[in-house]
Amino acid sequence: RLRGELETWKRALDQSLSSPRPAE
């Protein structure tokens, strides 16, 4: 579960050039 959550975050950050807030 932890790896899945970390992978989700990594994908989200990979798709963003800025530093989006979690809610964004």
PDB file of all heavy atoms in Angstrom:
ATOM      1  N   ARG A   1       0.834  -1.215   0.000  1.00  0.00           N
ATOM      2  CA  ARG A   1       0.000   0.000   0.000  1.00  0.00           C
ATOM      3  C   ARG A   1       0.861   1.255   0.000  1.00  0.00           C
ATOM      4  O   ARG A   1       0.584   2.212  -0.734  1.00  0.00           O
ATOM      5  CB  ARG A   1      -0.930  -0.029   1.204  1.00  0.00           C
ATOM      6  CG  ARG A   1      -1.922   1.101   1.223  1.00  0.00           C
ATOM      7  CD  ARG A   1      -2.925   0.901   2.328  1.00  0.00           C
ATOM      8  NE  ARG A   1      -3.903   1.976   2.336  1.00  0.00           N
ATOM      9  CZ  ARG A   1      -4.925   2.022   3.171  1.00  0.00           C
ATOM     10  NH1 ARG A   1      -5.122   1.056   4.045  1.00  0.00           N
ATOM     11  NH2 ARG A   1      -5.772   3.035   3.134  1.00  0.00           N
ATOM     12  N   LEU A   2       1.915   1.258   0.810  1.00  0.00           N
ATOM     13  CA  LEU A   2       2.806   2.416   0.855  1.00  0.00           C
ATOM     14  C   LEU A   2       3.453   2.633  -0.504  1.00  0.00           C
ATOM     15  O   LEU A   2       3.484   3.758  -1.010  1.00  0.00           O
ATOM     16  CB  LEU A   2       3.870   2.250   1.939  1.00  0.00           C
ATOM     17  CG  LEU A   2       4.908   3.386   2.018  1.00  0.00           C
ATOM     18  CD1 LEU A   2       4.240   4.721   2.324  1.00  0.00           C
ATOM     19  CD2 LEU A   2       5.979   3.055   3.041  1.00  0.00           C
ATOM     20  N   ARG A   3       3.983   1.566  -1.113  1.00  0.00           N
ATOM     21  CA  ARG A   3       4.606   1.709  -2.439  1.00  0.00           C
ATOM     22  C   ARG A   3       3.603   2.259  -3.442  1.00  0.00           C
ATOM     23  O   ARG A   3       3.944   3.121  -4.260  1.00  0.00           O
ATOM     24  CB  ARG A   3       5.166   0.381  -2.917  1.00  0.00           C
ATOM     25  CG  ARG A   3       6.445  -0.022  -2.205  1.00  0.00           C
ATOM     26  CD  ARG A   3       7.092  -1.241  -2.837  1.00  0.00           C
ATOM     27  NE  ARG A   3       6.226  -2.400  -2.780  1.00  0.00           N
ATOM     28  CZ  ARG A   3       6.549  -3.566  -2.220  1.00  0.00           C
ATOM     29  NH1 ARG A   3       7.739  -3.734  -1.665  1.00  0.00           N
ATOM     30  NH2 ARG A   3       5.711  -4.571  -2.220  1.00  0.00           N
ATOM     31  N   GLY A   4       2.362   1.783  -3.389  1.00  0.00           N
ATOM     32  CA  GLY A   4       1.335   2.289  -4.299  1.00  0.00           C
ATOM     33  C   GLY A   4       1.094   3.777  -4.126  1.00  0.00           C
ATOM     34  O   GLY A   4       0.982   4.514  -5.115  1.00  0.00           O
ATOM     35  N   GLU A   5       1.029   4.223  -2.886  1.00  0.00           N
ATOM     36  CA  GLU A   5       0.814   5.645  -2.617  1.00  0.00           C
ATOM     37  C   GLU A   5       2.015   6.473  -3.066  1.00  0.00           C
ATOM     38  O   GLU A   5       1.851   7.565  -3.627  1.00  0.00           O
ATOM     39  CB  GLU A   5       0.508   5.874  -1.141  1.00  0.00           C
ATOM     40  CG  GLU A   5      -0.846   5.319  -0.736  1.00  0.00           C
ATOM     41  CD  GLU A   5      -1.189   5.558   0.722  1.00  0.00           C
ATOM     42  OE1 GLU A   5      -0.618   6.468   1.356  1.00  0.00           O
ATOM     43  OE2 GLU A   5      -2.061   4.827   1.246  1.00  0.00           O
ATOM     44  N   LEU A   6       3.217   5.963  -2.841  1.00  0.00           N
ATOM     45  CA  LEU A   6       4.417   6.680  -3.281  1.00  0.00           C
ATOM     46  C   LEU A   6       4.471   6.759  -4.804  1.00  0.00           C
ATOM     47  O   LEU A   6       4.838   7.800  -5.371  1.00  0.00           O
ATOM     48  CB  LEU A   6       5.680   6.006  -2.737  1.00  0.00           C
ATOM     49  CG  LEU A   6       5.846   5.984  -1.214  1.00  0.00           C
ATOM     50  CD1 LEU A   6       7.113   5.225  -0.831  1.00  0.00           C
ATOM     51  CD2 LEU A   6       5.835   7.383  -0.629  1.00  0.00           C
ATOM     52  N   GLU A   7       4.101   5.676  -5.477  1.00  0.00           N
ATOM     53  CA  GLU A   7       4.090   5.673  -6.943  1.00  0.00           C
ATOM     54  C   GLU A   7       3.068   6.672  -7.486  1.00  0.00           C
ATOM     55  O   GLU A   7       3.343   7.370  -8.469  1.00  0.00           O
ATOM     56  CB  GLU A   7       3.793   4.270  -7.466  1.00  0.00           C
ATOM     57  CG  GLU A   7       4.955   3.322  -7.290  1.00  0.00           C
ATOM     58  CD  GLU A   7       4.609   1.857  -7.537  1.00  0.00           C
ATOM     59  OE1 GLU A   7       3.440   1.544  -7.874  1.00  0.00           O
ATOM     60  OE2 GLU A   7       5.521   1.027  -7.395  1.00  0.00           O
ATOM     61  N   THR A   8       1.915   6.755  -6.853  1.00  0.00           N
ATOM     62  CA  THR A   8       0.888   7.719  -7.269  1.00  0.00           C
ATOM     63  C   THR A   8       1.422   9.144  -7.155  1.00  0.00           C
ATOM     64  O   THR A   8       1.255   9.964  -8.058  1.00  0.00           O
ATOM     65  CB  THR A   8      -0.389   7.539  -6.427  1.00  0.00           C
ATOM     66  OG1 THR A   8      -0.896   6.220  -6.645  1.00  0.00           O
ATOM     67  CG2 THR A   8      -1.446   8.571  -6.788  1.00  0.00           C
ATOM     68  N   TRP A   9       2.077   9.444  -6.053  1.00  0.00           N
ATOM     69  CA  TRP A   9       2.673  10.773  -5.864  1.00  0.00           C
ATOM     70  C   TRP A   9       3.757  11.045  -6.895  1.00  0.00           C
ATOM     71  O   TRP A   9       3.824  12.136  -7.453  1.00  0.00           O
ATOM     72  CB  TRP A   9       3.258  10.894  -4.451  1.00  0.00           C
ATOM     73  CG  TRP A   9       2.291  11.518  -3.506  1.00  0.00           C
ATOM     74  CD1 TRP A   9       1.333  10.881  -2.769  1.00  0.00           C
ATOM     75  CD2 TRP A   9       2.160  12.897  -3.212  1.00  0.00           C
ATOM     76  NE1 TRP A   9       0.626  11.789  -2.034  1.00  0.00           N
ATOM     77  CE2 TRP A   9       1.117  13.033  -2.274  1.00  0.00           C
ATOM     78  CE3 TRP A   9       2.833  14.028  -3.649  1.00  0.00           C
ATOM     79  CZ2 TRP A   9       0.729  14.265  -1.768  1.00  0.00           C
ATOM     80  CZ3 TRP A   9       2.451  15.258  -3.133  1.00  0.00           C
ATOM     81  CH2 TRP A   9       1.411  15.368  -2.213  1.00  0.00           C
ATOM     82  N   LYS A  10       4.594  10.062  -7.129  1.00  0.00           N
ATOM     83  CA  LYS A  10       5.676  10.266  -8.099  1.00  0.00           C
ATOM     84  C   LYS A  10       5.105  10.563  -9.480  1.00  0.00           C
ATOM     85  O   LYS A  10       5.566  11.479 -10.163  1.00  0.00           O
ATOM     86  CB  LYS A  10       6.617   9.071  -8.149  1.00  0.00           C
ATOM     87  CG  LYS A  10       7.810   9.348  -9.071  1.00  0.00           C
ATOM     88  CD  LYS A  10       8.803   8.244  -9.066  1.00  0.00           C
ATOM     89  CE  LYS A  10       9.925   8.504 -10.052  1.00  0.00           C
ATOM     90  NZ  LYS A  10       9.494   8.960 -11.372  1.00  0.00           N
ATOM     91  N   ARG A  11       4.096   9.808  -9.903  1.00  0.00           N
ATOM     92  CA  ARG A  11       3.469  10.070 -11.206  1.00  0.00           C
ATOM     93  C   ARG A  11       2.884  11.482 -11.264  1.00  0.00           C
ATOM     94  O   ARG A  11       3.036  12.191 -12.253  1.00  0.00           O
ATOM     95  CB  ARG A  11       2.379   9.042 -11.496  1.00  0.00           C
ATOM     96  CG  ARG A  11       2.901   7.741 -12.042  1.00  0.00           C
ATOM     97  CD  ARG A  11       1.795   6.862 -12.604  1.00  0.00           C
ATOM     98  NE  ARG A  11       0.705   6.603 -11.672  1.00  0.00           N
ATOM     99  CZ  ARG A  11       0.716   5.635 -10.753  1.00  0.00           C
ATOM    100  NH1 ARG A  11       1.754   4.820 -10.658  1.00  0.00           N
ATOM    101  NH2 ARG A  11      -0.301   5.484  -9.943  1.00  0.00           N
ATOM    102  N   ALA A  12       2.214  11.888 -10.191  1.00  0.00           N
ATOM    103  CA  ALA A  12       1.620  13.230 -10.158  1.00  0.00           C
ATOM    104  C   ALA A  12       2.699  14.303 -10.255  1.00  0.00           C
ATOM    105  O   ALA A  12       2.535  15.284 -10.984  1.00  0.00           O
ATOM    106  CB  ALA A  12       0.788  13.410  -8.891  1.00  0.00           C
ATOM    107  N   LEU A  13       3.784  14.121  -9.546  1.00  0.00           N
ATOM    108  CA  LEU A  13       4.865  15.109  -9.609  1.00  0.00           C
ATOM    109  C   LEU A  13       5.572  15.073 -10.957  1.00  0.00           C
ATOM    110  O   LEU A  13       6.001  16.110 -11.466  1.00  0.00           O
ATOM    111  CB  LEU A  13       5.863  14.879  -8.473  1.00  0.00           C
ATOM    112  CG  LEU A  13       5.353  15.211  -7.076  1.00  0.00           C
ATOM    113  CD1 LEU A  13       6.400  14.856  -6.035  1.00  0.00           C
ATOM    114  CD2 LEU A  13       4.964  16.672  -6.962  1.00  0.00           C
ATOM    115  N   ASP A  14       5.703  13.886 -11.547  1.00  0.00           N
ATOM    116  CA  ASP A  14       6.325  13.783 -12.869  1.00  0.00           C
ATOM    117  C   ASP A  14       5.526  14.546 -13.925  1.00  0.00           C
ATOM    118  O   ASP A  14       6.084  15.042 -14.893  1.00  0.00           O
ATOM    119  CB  ASP A  14       6.454  12.317 -13.309  1.00  0.00           C
ATOM    120  CG  ASP A  14       7.567  11.571 -12.594  1.00  0.00           C
ATOM    121  OD1 ASP A  14       8.423  12.224 -11.960  1.00  0.00           O
ATOM    122  OD2 ASP A  14       7.559  10.325 -12.662  1.00  0.00           O
ATOM    123  N   GLN A  15       4.218  14.634 -13.738  1.00  0.00           N
ATOM    124  CA  GLN A  15       3.347  15.300 -14.709  1.00  0.00           C
ATOM    125  C   GLN A  15       3.256  16.802 -14.491  1.00  0.00           C
ATOM    126  O   GLN A  15       2.664  17.507 -15.296  1.00  0.00           O
ATOM    127  CB  GLN A  15       1.941  14.692 -14.659  1.00  0.00           C
ATOM    128  CG  GLN A  15       1.917  13.253 -15.106  1.00  0.00           C
ATOM    129  CD  GLN A  15       0.572  12.595 -14.873  1.00  0.00           C
ATOM    130  OE1 GLN A  15      -0.368  13.220 -14.401  1.00  0.00           O
ATOM    131  NE2 GLN A  15       0.485  11.315 -15.200  1.00  0.00           N
ATOM    132  N   SER A  16       3.834  17.291 -13.424  1.00  0.00           N
ATOM    133  CA  SER A  16       3.733  18.703 -13.090  1.00  0.00           C
ATOM    134  C   SER A  16       5.110  19.342 -13.096  1.00  0.00           C
ATOM    135  O   SER A  16       6.058  18.803 -12.549  1.00  0.00           O
ATOM    136  CB  SER A  16       3.114  18.858 -11.702  1.00  0.00           C
ATOM    137  OG  SER A  16       3.144  20.209 -11.322  1.00  0.00           O
ATOM    138  N   LEU A  17       5.203  20.504 -13.702  1.00  0.00           N
ATOM    139  CA  LEU A  17       6.473  21.237 -13.696  1.00  0.00           C
ATOM    140  C   LEU A  17       6.580  22.143 -12.478  1.00  0.00           C
ATOM    141  O   LEU A  17       7.654  22.595 -12.143  1.00  0.00           O
ATOM    142  CB  LEU A  17       6.616  22.053 -14.979  1.00  0.00           C
ATOM    143  CG  LEU A  17       6.664  21.228 -16.257  1.00  0.00           C
ATOM    144  CD1 LEU A  17       6.738  22.147 -17.475  1.00  0.00           C
ATOM    145  CD2 LEU A  17       7.849  20.274 -16.243  1.00  0.00           C
ATOM    146  N   SER A  18       5.466  22.412 -11.828  1.00  0.00           N
ATOM    147  CA  SER A  18       5.475  23.252 -10.635  1.00  0.00           C
ATOM    148  C   SER A  18       5.395  22.359  -9.404  1.00  0.00           C
ATOM    149  O   SER A  18       5.520  21.151  -9.500  1.00  0.00           O
ATOM    150  CB  SER A  18       4.298  24.230 -10.676  1.00  0.00           C
ATOM    151  OG  SER A  18       3.089  23.516 -10.617  1.00  0.00           O
ATOM    152  N   SER A  19       5.185  22.965  -8.276  1.00  0.00           N
ATOM    153  CA  SER A  19       5.008  22.222  -7.027  1.00  0.00           C
ATOM    154  C   SER A  19       3.555  22.347  -6.594  1.00  0.00           C
ATOM    155  O   SER A  19       3.219  23.179  -5.760  1.00  0.00           O
ATOM    156  CB  SER A  19       5.921  22.766  -5.934  1.00  0.00           C
ATOM    157  OG  SER A  19       7.253  22.497  -6.215  1.00  0.00           O
ATOM    158  N   PRO A  20       2.672  21.523  -7.170  1.00  0.00           N
ATOM    159  CA  PRO A  20       1.265  21.634  -6.796  1.00  0.00           C
ATOM    160  C   PRO A  20       1.044  21.228  -5.348  1.00  0.00           C
ATOM    161  O   PRO A  20       1.755  20.398  -4.810  1.00  0.00           O
ATOM    162  CB  PRO A  20       0.574  20.649  -7.745  1.00  0.00           C
ATOM    163  CG  PRO A  20       1.633  19.644  -8.070  1.00  0.00           C
ATOM    164  CD  PRO A  20       2.928  20.406  -8.051  1.00  0.00           C
ATOM    165  N   ARG A  21       0.061  21.853  -4.732  1.00  0.00           N
ATOM    166  CA  ARG A  21      -0.322  21.470  -3.376  1.00  0.00           C
ATOM    167  C   ARG A  21      -1.113  20.171  -3.462  1.00  0.00           C
ATOM    168  O   ARG A  21      -1.722  19.879  -4.495  1.00  0.00           O
ATOM    169  CB  ARG A  21      -1.190  22.556  -2.721  1.00  0.00           C
ATOM    170  CG  ARG A  21      -0.566  23.926  -2.690  1.00  0.00           C
ATOM    171  CD  ARG A  21       0.748  24.195  -1.981  1.00  0.00           C
ATOM    172  NE  ARG A  21       1.357  23.255  -1.094  1.00  0.00           N
ATOM    173  CZ  ARG A  21       2.677  22.997  -1.082  1.00  0.00           C
ATOM    174  NH1 ARG A  21       3.488  23.574  -1.925  1.00  0.00           N
ATOM    175  NH2 ARG A  21       3.178  22.156  -0.219  1.00  0.00           N
ATOM    176  N   PRO A  22      -1.138  19.367  -2.411  1.00  0.00           N
ATOM    177  CA  PRO A  22      -1.848  18.087  -2.456  1.00  0.00           C
ATOM    178  C   PRO A  22      -3.292  18.212  -2.927  1.00  0.00           C
ATOM    179  O   PRO A  22      -3.752  17.409  -3.723  1.00  0.00           O
ATOM    180  CB  PRO A  22      -1.774  17.583  -1.021  1.00  0.00           C
ATOM    181  CG  PRO A  22      -0.551  18.230  -0.464  1.00  0.00           C
ATOM    182  CD  PRO A  22      -0.464  19.580  -1.137  1.00  0.00           C
ATOM    183  N   ALA A  23      -4.013  19.232  -2.454  1.00  0.00           N
ATOM    184  CA  ALA A  23      -5.412  19.393  -2.859  1.00  0.00           C
ATOM    185  C   ALA A  23      -5.522  19.656  -4.361  1.00  0.00           C
ATOM    186  O   ALA A  23      -6.486  19.263  -4.998  1.00  0.00           O
ATOM    187  CB  ALA A  23      -6.066  20.517  -2.074  1.00  0.00           C
ATOM    188  N   GLU A  24      -4.530  20.321  -4.941  1.00  0.00           N
ATOM    189  CA  GLU A  24      -4.563  20.633  -6.368  1.00  0.00           C
ATOM    190  C   GLU A  24      -4.413  19.382  -7.220  1.00  0.00           C
ATOM    191  O   GLU A  24      -4.885  19.349  -8.348  1.00  0.00           O
ATOM    192  CB  GLU A  24      -3.446  21.622  -6.718  1.00  0.00           C
ATOM    193  CG  GLU A  24      -3.626  22.992  -6.107  1.00  0.00           C
ATOM    194  CD  GLU A  24      -2.407  23.878  -6.303  1.00  0.00           C
ATOM    195  OE1 GLU A  24      -1.515  23.532  -7.080  1.00  0.00           O
ATOM    196  OE2 GLU A  24      -2.367  24.940  -5.645  1.00  0.00           O
TER     197      GLU A  24
END
